[in-house]
PDB file of N, CA and C in Angstrom:
ATOM      1  N   MET A   1     -35.067  74.150   6.919  1.00  0.00           N
ATOM      2  CA  MET A   1     -35.438  75.106   7.933  1.00  0.00           C
ATOM      3  C   MET A   1     -35.545  74.408   9.280  1.00  0.00           C
ATOM      4  N   MET A   2     -35.187  75.105  10.355  1.00  0.00           N
ATOM      5  CA  MET A   2     -35.260  74.528  11.690  1.00  0.00           C
ATOM      6  C   MET A   2     -36.708  74.455  12.164  1.00  0.00           C
ATOM      7  N   GLU A   3     -36.982  73.470  13.010  1.00  0.00           N
ATOM      8  CA  GLU A   3     -38.283  73.401  13.645  1.00  0.00           C
ATOM      9  C   GLU A   3     -38.397  74.537  14.652  1.00  0.00           C
ATOM     10  N   ASN A   4     -39.626  74.938  14.969  1.00  0.00           N
ATOM     11  CA  ASN A   4     -39.844  76.067  15.869  1.00  0.00           C
ATOM     12  C   ASN A   4     -39.231  75.885  17.253  1.00  0.00           C
ATOM     13  N   ASN A   5     -39.147  74.654  17.754  1.00  0.00           N
ATOM     14  CA  ASN A   5     -38.627  74.448  19.096  1.00  0.00           C
ATOM     15  C   ASN A   5     -37.107  74.316  19.131  1.00  0.00           C
ATOM     16  N   GLU A   6     -36.464  74.363  18.011  1.00  0.00           N
ATOM     17  CA  GLU A   6     -35.013  74.222  17.934  1.00  0.00           C
ATOM     18  C   GLU A   6     -34.364  75.597  17.953  1.00  0.00           C
ATOM     19  N   ARG A   7     -33.331  75.776  18.781  1.00  0.00           N
ATOM     20  CA  ARG A   7     -32.648  77.057  18.919  1.00  0.00           C
ATOM     21  C   ARG A   7     -31.141  76.863  18.768  1.00  0.00           C
ATOM     22  N   LYS A   8     -30.470  77.910  18.355  1.00  0.00           N
ATOM     23  CA  LYS A   8     -29.014  77.923  18.276  1.00  0.00           C
ATOM     24  C   LYS A   8     -28.497  78.953  19.269  1.00  0.00           C
ATOM     25  N   VAL A   9     -27.379  78.668  19.900  1.00  0.00           N
ATOM     26  CA  VAL A   9     -26.756  79.580  20.844  1.00  0.00           C
ATOM     27  C   VAL A   9     -25.373  79.922  20.316  1.00  0.00           C
ATOM     28  N   VAL A  10     -25.064  81.198  20.273  1.00  0.00           N
ATOM     29  CA  VAL A  10     -23.764  81.663  19.816  1.00  0.00           C
ATOM     30  C   VAL A  10     -23.147  82.472  20.944  1.00  0.00           C
ATOM     31  N   GLU A  11     -21.954  82.110  21.376  1.00  0.00           N
ATOM     32  CA  GLU A  11     -21.257  82.866  22.410  1.00  0.00           C
ATOM     33  C   GLU A  11     -20.317  83.851  21.730  1.00  0.00           C
ATOM     34  N   LEU A  12     -20.428  85.115  22.130  1.00  0.00           N
ATOM     35  CA  LEU A  12     -19.614  86.179  21.542  1.00  0.00           C
ATOM     36  C   LEU A  12     -18.910  86.954  22.639  1.00  0.00           C
ATOM     37  N   ASP A  13     -17.664  87.322  22.395  1.00  0.00           N
ATOM     38  CA  ASP A  13     -17.032  88.250  23.323  1.00  0.00           C
ATOM     39  C   ASP A  13     -17.497  89.664  22.949  1.00  0.00           C
ATOM     40  N   ASP A  14     -17.088  90.647  23.721  1.00  0.00           N
ATOM     41  CA  ASP A  14     -17.568  92.009  23.526  1.00  0.00           C
ATOM     42  C   ASP A  14     -17.265  92.530  22.122  1.00  0.00           C
ATOM     43  N   TYR A  15     -16.059  92.252  21.641  1.00  0.00           N
ATOM     44  CA  TYR A  15     -15.676  92.707  20.300  1.00  0.00           C
ATOM     45  C   TYR A  15     -16.564  92.068  19.228  1.00  0.00           C
ATOM     46  N   GLU A  16     -16.738  90.751  19.299  1.00  0.00           N
ATOM     47  CA  GLU A  16     -17.564  90.040  18.319  1.00  0.00           C
ATOM     48  C   GLU A  16     -19.015  90.518  18.355  1.00  0.00           C
ATOM     49  N   TYR A  17     -19.521  90.788  19.565  1.00  0.00           N
ATOM     50  CA  TYR A  17     -20.884  91.294  19.731  1.00  0.00           C
ATOM     51  C   TYR A  17     -21.052  92.619  18.984  1.00  0.00           C
ATOM     52  N   HIS A  18     -20.092  93.526  19.163  1.00  0.00           N
ATOM     53  CA  HIS A  18     -20.189  94.823  18.496  1.00  0.00           C
ATOM     54  C   HIS A  18     -20.018  94.709  16.979  1.00  0.00           C
ATOM     55  N   VAL A  19     -19.181  93.795  16.520  1.00  0.00           N
ATOM     56  CA  VAL A  19     -19.039  93.550  15.080  1.00  0.00           C
ATOM     57  C   VAL A  19     -20.365  93.058  14.507  1.00  0.00           C
ATOM     58  N   MET A  20     -21.037  92.142  15.211  1.00  0.00           N
ATOM     59  CA  MET A  20     -22.316  91.627  14.730  1.00  0.00           C
ATOM     60  C   MET A  20     -23.371  92.730  14.679  1.00  0.00           C
ATOM     61  N   ILE A  21     -23.434  93.553  15.720  1.00  0.00           N
ATOM     62  CA  ILE A  21     -24.390  94.654  15.750  1.00  0.00           C
ATOM     63  C   ILE A  21     -24.144  95.602  14.575  1.00  0.00           C
ATOM     64  N   GLU A  22     -22.894  95.962  14.358  1.00  0.00           N
ATOM     65  CA  GLU A  22     -22.560  96.887  13.269  1.00  0.00           C
ATOM     66  C   GLU A  22     -22.880  96.273  11.907  1.00  0.00           C
ATOM     67  N   ALA A  23     -22.570  94.987  11.725  1.00  0.00           N
ATOM     68  CA  ALA A  23     -22.837  94.322  10.445  1.00  0.00           C
ATOM     69  C   ALA A  23     -24.334  94.252  10.161  1.00  0.00           C
ATOM     70  N   LEU A  24     -25.127  93.918  11.168  1.00  0.00           N
ATOM     71  CA  LEU A  24     -26.574  93.855  10.970  1.00  0.00           C
ATOM     72  C   LEU A  24     -27.154  95.244  10.708  1.00  0.00           C
ATOM     73  N   ALA A  25     -26.665  96.254  11.420  1.00  0.00           N
ATOM     74  CA  ALA A  25     -27.143  97.620  11.190  1.00  0.00           C
ATOM     75  C   ALA A  25     -26.779  98.087   9.785  1.00  0.00           C
ATOM     76  N   ASP A  26     -25.562  97.774   9.329  1.00  0.00           N
ATOM     77  CA  ASP A  26     -25.147  98.138   7.968  1.00  0.00           C
ATOM     78  C   ASP A  26     -26.020  97.440   6.926  1.00  0.00           C
ATOM     79  N   ARG A  27     -26.299  96.168   7.157  1.00  0.00           N
ATOM     80  CA  ARG A  27     -27.151  95.416   6.219  1.00  0.00           C
ATOM     81  C   ARG A  27     -28.552  96.005   6.167  1.00  0.00           C
ATOM     82  N   ARG A  28     -29.100  96.321   7.349  1.00  0.00           N
ATOM     83  CA  ARG A  28     -30.433  96.924   7.403  1.00  0.00           C
ATOM     84  C   ARG A  28     -30.445  98.258   6.640  1.00  0.00           C
ATOM     85  N   ASN A  29     -29.416  99.066   6.846  1.00  0.00           N
ATOM     86  CA  ASN A  29     -29.340 100.356   6.151  1.00  0.00           C
ATOM     87  C   ASN A  29     -29.216 100.174   4.643  1.00  0.00           C
ATOM     88  N   ASP A  30     -28.442  99.176   4.203  1.00  0.00           N
ATOM     89  CA  ASP A  30     -28.326  98.886   2.767  1.00  0.00           C
ATOM     90  C   ASP A  30     -29.684  98.500   2.179  1.00  0.00           C
ATOM     91  N   LEU A  31     -30.441  97.693   2.902  1.00  0.00           N
ATOM     92  CA  LEU A  31     -31.771  97.294   2.423  1.00  0.00           C
ATOM     93  C   LEU A  31     -32.696  98.509   2.308  1.00  0.00           C
ATOM     94  N   ILE A  32     -32.636  99.370   3.298  1.00  0.00           N
ATOM     95  CA  ILE A  32     -33.474 100.582   3.264  1.00  0.00           C
ATOM     96  C   ILE A  32     -33.093 101.467   2.082  1.00  0.00           C
ATOM     97  N   GLU A  33     -31.791 101.644   1.858  1.00  0.00           N
ATOM     98  CA  GLU A  33     -31.321 102.491   0.754  1.00  0.00           C
ATOM     99  C   GLU A  33     -31.738 101.958  -0.608  1.00  0.00           C
ATOM    100  N   THR A  34     -31.898 100.642  -0.733  1.00  0.00           N
ATOM    101  CA  THR A  34     -32.277 100.051  -2.021  1.00  0.00           C
ATOM    102  C   THR A  34     -33.768  99.718  -2.081  1.00  0.00           C
ATOM    103  N   ASN A  35     -34.538 100.340  -1.164  1.00  0.00           N
ATOM    104  CA  ASN A  35     -35.996 100.171  -1.118  1.00  0.00           C
ATOM    105  C   ASN A  35     -36.421  98.710  -0.992  1.00  0.00           C
ATOM    106  N   ARG A  36     -35.663  97.952  -0.204  1.00  0.00           N
ATOM    107  CA  ARG A  36     -36.025  96.562   0.069  1.00  0.00           C
ATOM    108  C   ARG A  36     -36.470  96.451   1.522  1.00  0.00           C
ATOM    109  N   GLU A  37     -37.232  95.440   1.834  1.00  0.00           N
ATOM    110  CA  GLU A  37     -37.812  95.264   3.164  1.00  0.00           C
ATOM    111  C   GLU A  37     -36.741  94.870   4.190  1.00  0.00           C
ATOM    112  N   PRO A  38     -36.506  95.694   5.215  1.00  0.00           N
ATOM    113  CA  PRO A  38     -35.483  95.388   6.218  1.00  0.00           C
ATOM    114  C   PRO A  38     -36.029  94.673   7.461  1.00  0.00           C
ATOM    115  N   GLU A  39     -37.296  94.281   7.449  1.00  0.00           N
ATOM    116  CA  GLU A  39     -37.949  93.776   8.663  1.00  0.00           C
ATOM    117  C   GLU A  39     -37.226  92.577   9.283  1.00  0.00           C
ATOM    118  N   ASP A  40     -36.860  91.580   8.499  1.00  0.00           N
ATOM    119  CA  ASP A  40     -36.204  90.391   9.049  1.00  0.00           C
ATOM    120  C   ASP A  40     -34.861  90.732   9.694  1.00  0.00           C
ATOM    121  N   VAL A  41     -34.083  91.576   9.035  1.00  0.00           N
ATOM    122  CA  VAL A  41     -32.782  91.974   9.581  1.00  0.00           C
ATOM    123  C   VAL A  41     -32.980  92.836  10.822  1.00  0.00           C
ATOM    124  N   SER A  42     -33.966  93.708  10.795  1.00  0.00           N
ATOM    125  CA  SER A  42     -34.260  94.543  11.971  1.00  0.00           C
ATOM    126  C   SER A  42     -34.671  93.684  13.162  1.00  0.00           C
ATOM    127  N   ASP A  43     -35.492  92.669  12.924  1.00  0.00           N
ATOM    128  CA  ASP A  43     -35.909  91.764  13.989  1.00  0.00           C
ATOM    129  C   ASP A  43     -34.708  91.028  14.582  1.00  0.00           C
ATOM    130  N   LEU A  44     -33.814  90.560  13.717  1.00  0.00           N
ATOM    131  CA  LEU A  44     -32.621  89.865  14.188  1.00  0.00           C
ATOM    132  C   LEU A  44     -31.713  90.814  14.960  1.00  0.00           C
ATOM    133  N   LEU A  45     -31.558  92.027  14.479  1.00  0.00           N
ATOM    134  CA  LEU A  45     -30.741  93.028  15.170  1.00  0.00           C
ATOM    135  C   LEU A  45     -31.271  93.263  16.588  1.00  0.00           C
ATOM    136  N   LEU A  46     -32.571  93.417  16.723  1.00  0.00           N
ATOM    137  CA  LEU A  46     -33.162  93.616  18.048  1.00  0.00           C
ATOM    138  C   LEU A  46     -32.979  92.396  18.934  1.00  0.00           C
ATOM    139  N   LYS A  47     -33.065  91.217  18.355  1.00  0.00           N
ATOM    140  CA  LYS A  47     -32.878  89.988  19.127  1.00  0.00           C
ATOM    141  C   LYS A  47     -31.448  89.913  19.673  1.00  0.00           C
ATOM    142  N   VAL A  48     -30.480  90.288  18.854  1.00  0.00           N
ATOM    143  CA  VAL A  48     -29.081  90.269  19.299  1.00  0.00           C
ATOM    144  C   VAL A  48     -28.858  91.330  20.378  1.00  0.00           C
ATOM    145  N   ILE A  49     -29.412  92.518  20.183  1.00  0.00           N
ATOM    146  CA  ILE A  49     -29.256  93.586  21.168  1.00  0.00           C
ATOM    147  C   ILE A  49     -29.873  93.184  22.505  1.00  0.00           C
ATOM    148  N   ASP A  50     -31.025  92.519  22.470  1.00  0.00           N
ATOM    149  CA  ASP A  50     -31.741  92.137  23.688  1.00  0.00           C
ATOM    150  C   ASP A  50     -31.292  90.807  24.288  1.00  0.00           C
ATOM    151  N   ALA A  51     -30.319  90.146  23.686  1.00  0.00           N
ATOM    152  CA  ALA A  51     -29.862  88.845  24.180  1.00  0.00           C
ATOM    153  C   ALA A  51     -29.279  88.987  25.584  1.00  0.00           C
ATOM    154  N   PRO A  52     -29.533  88.003  26.442  1.00  0.00           N
ATOM    155  CA  PRO A  52     -28.995  88.075  27.803  1.00  0.00           C
ATOM    156  C   PRO A  52     -27.476  87.957  27.810  1.00  0.00           C
ATOM    157  N   VAL A  53     -26.879  88.557  28.808  1.00  0.00           N
ATOM    158  CA  VAL A  53     -25.433  88.496  29.009  1.00  0.00           C
ATOM    159  C   VAL A  53     -25.189  87.553  30.180  1.00  0.00           C
ATOM    160  N   ILE A  54     -24.277  86.613  30.013  1.00  0.00           N
ATOM    161  CA  ILE A  54     -23.953  85.669  31.081  1.00  0.00           C
ATOM    162  C   ILE A  54     -22.535  85.971  31.569  1.00  0.00           C
ATOM    163  N   ILE A  55     -22.442  86.237  32.871  1.00  0.00           N
ATOM    164  CA  ILE A  55     -21.140  86.519  33.488  1.00  0.00           C
ATOM    165  C   ILE A  55     -20.959  85.574  34.660  1.00  0.00           C
ATOM    166  N   ARG A  56     -19.931  84.716  34.611  1.00  0.00           N
ATOM    167  CA  ARG A  56     -19.621  83.771  35.692  1.00  0.00           C
ATOM    168  C   ARG A  56     -20.844  82.998  36.142  1.00  0.00           C
ATOM    169  N   GLY A  57     -21.587  82.493  35.171  1.00  0.00           N
ATOM    170  CA  GLY A  57     -22.725  81.649  35.484  1.00  0.00           C
ATOM    171  C   GLY A  57     -23.993  82.395  35.856  1.00  0.00           C
ATOM    172  N   ARG A  58     -23.938  83.720  35.954  1.00  0.00           N
ATOM    173  CA  ARG A  58     -25.130  84.509  36.254  1.00  0.00           C
ATOM    174  C   ARG A  58     -25.618  85.170  34.978  1.00  0.00           C
ATOM    175  N   VAL A  59     -26.906  85.403  34.898  1.00  0.00           N
ATOM    176  CA  VAL A  59     -27.483  86.069  33.743  1.00  0.00           C
ATOM    177  C   VAL A  59     -27.866  87.473  34.149  1.00  0.00           C
ATOM    178  N   LYS A  60     -27.487  88.458  33.327  1.00  0.00           N
ATOM    179  CA  LYS A  60     -27.936  89.822  33.549  1.00  0.00           C
ATOM    180  C   LYS A  60     -28.435  90.372  32.242  1.00  0.00           C
ATOM    181  N   SER A  61     -29.209  91.422  32.285  1.00  0.00           N
ATOM    182  CA  SER A  61     -29.766  91.984  31.052  1.00  0.00           C
ATOM    183  C   SER A  61     -28.648  92.606  30.237  1.00  0.00           C
ATOM    184  N   SER A  62     -28.859  92.679  28.919  1.00  0.00           N
ATOM    185  CA  SER A  62     -27.855  93.278  28.053  1.00  0.00           C
ATOM    186  C   SER A  62     -27.740  94.767  28.286  1.00  0.00           C
ATOM    187  N   ALA A  63     -28.767  95.381  28.916  1.00  0.00           N
ATOM    188  CA  ALA A  63     -28.731  96.804  29.212  1.00  0.00           C
ATOM    189  C   ALA A  63     -27.818  97.102  30.400  1.00  0.00           C
ATOM    190  N   GLY A  64     -27.444  96.042  31.133  1.00  0.00           N
ATOM    191  CA  GLY A  64     -26.522  96.217  32.239  1.00  0.00           C
ATOM    192  C   GLY A  64     -27.166  96.754  33.506  1.00  0.00           C
ATOM    193  N   ASP A  65     -28.496  96.672  33.614  1.00  0.00           N
ATOM    194  CA  ASP A  65     -29.173  97.221  34.780  1.00  0.00           C
ATOM    195  C   ASP A  65     -29.443  96.170  35.850  1.00  0.00           C
ATOM    196  N   GLY A  66     -28.888  94.963  35.677  1.00  0.00           N
ATOM    197  CA  GLY A  66     -28.970  93.944  36.701  1.00  0.00           C
ATOM    198  C   GLY A  66     -30.274  93.176  36.755  1.00  0.00           C
ATOM    199  N   ARG A  67     -31.134  93.323  35.746  1.00  0.00           N
ATOM    200  CA  ARG A  67     -32.404  92.591  35.742  1.00  0.00           C
ATOM    201  C   ARG A  67     -32.179  91.128  35.502  1.00  0.00           C
TER     202      ARG A  67
END
């Protein structure tokens, strides 16, 4: 297991980002359908959705509102 201060960074293009979102949502739904706890997958899904977007060296929010 990684230490708490260690992080991994994954760069995704728009297509890969949407594939990851869909895969995590499908996994979460499968867990719910089989009465298993989806909390960890849900947390990861939210983390990916809320990840910052970097464009030409600038950071903007994933919501696209320029924050």
